[in-house]
Amino acid sequence: MTITTIEQLRAISIFSTMNDDALAAVAPLLKAVQFAPGQTIIHEGDAAECFYVLLTGRVKFTTQHQQGQEIMLGVAASGESFGEIGMLTGQKRAARVTATEPTHALMLDYETLKDFLLTHPQATIDVMKLLALRLHQTGALLREAGSGNANQIDDARQTIGNRISDW
């Protein structure tokens, strides 16, 4: 599966507010990749050299507690992106990302994204807005996690449909 139209790119959160010129410029820079259920896409602690945009499928974000227990940090599905914060900050990956179903994604490496953003300033602002929103959401989750187990909080937020789809 590949992205061929501006309308398809606009359906992806990180690209949703970009103008047509920016979308036409970024489209050929994206590399299509696929992942099988259970396949690790990002390992916690790895160098962050690229980010991903989900076309289809679903991934989960996990980390390990000091006692070795896996902690669920969140999930992402079609139209969402991940890995951009670590890539842009140059920090190591903060979580493991694993496909939970057959997943098709687009990948963009740091140097290519940097070159694109340097020539498309409005796209830079659009990406900054998305990252700020992501940080805000993470902060909210951490504040809630301080009052209980993050896995239990996540479970409480899930709808019946989400729980069934996780089986």
Foldseek 3Di string as FASTA:
>chain_A
DADDDLVLQLLAQLCVPPDPVLSVVCRVQWDKDKDAAFDWPADFQAWLFKKKAWQAFKKWWWDADPVGDIATQGMDGHRYMDSPVRQVVRHTHHTIIGTRHITMIIMHTNVRVVVSCVVPVVSVVSNVVVVVVVVVVSVVLVVVCVVHRSRVVVVVPDDPVVVVVSD
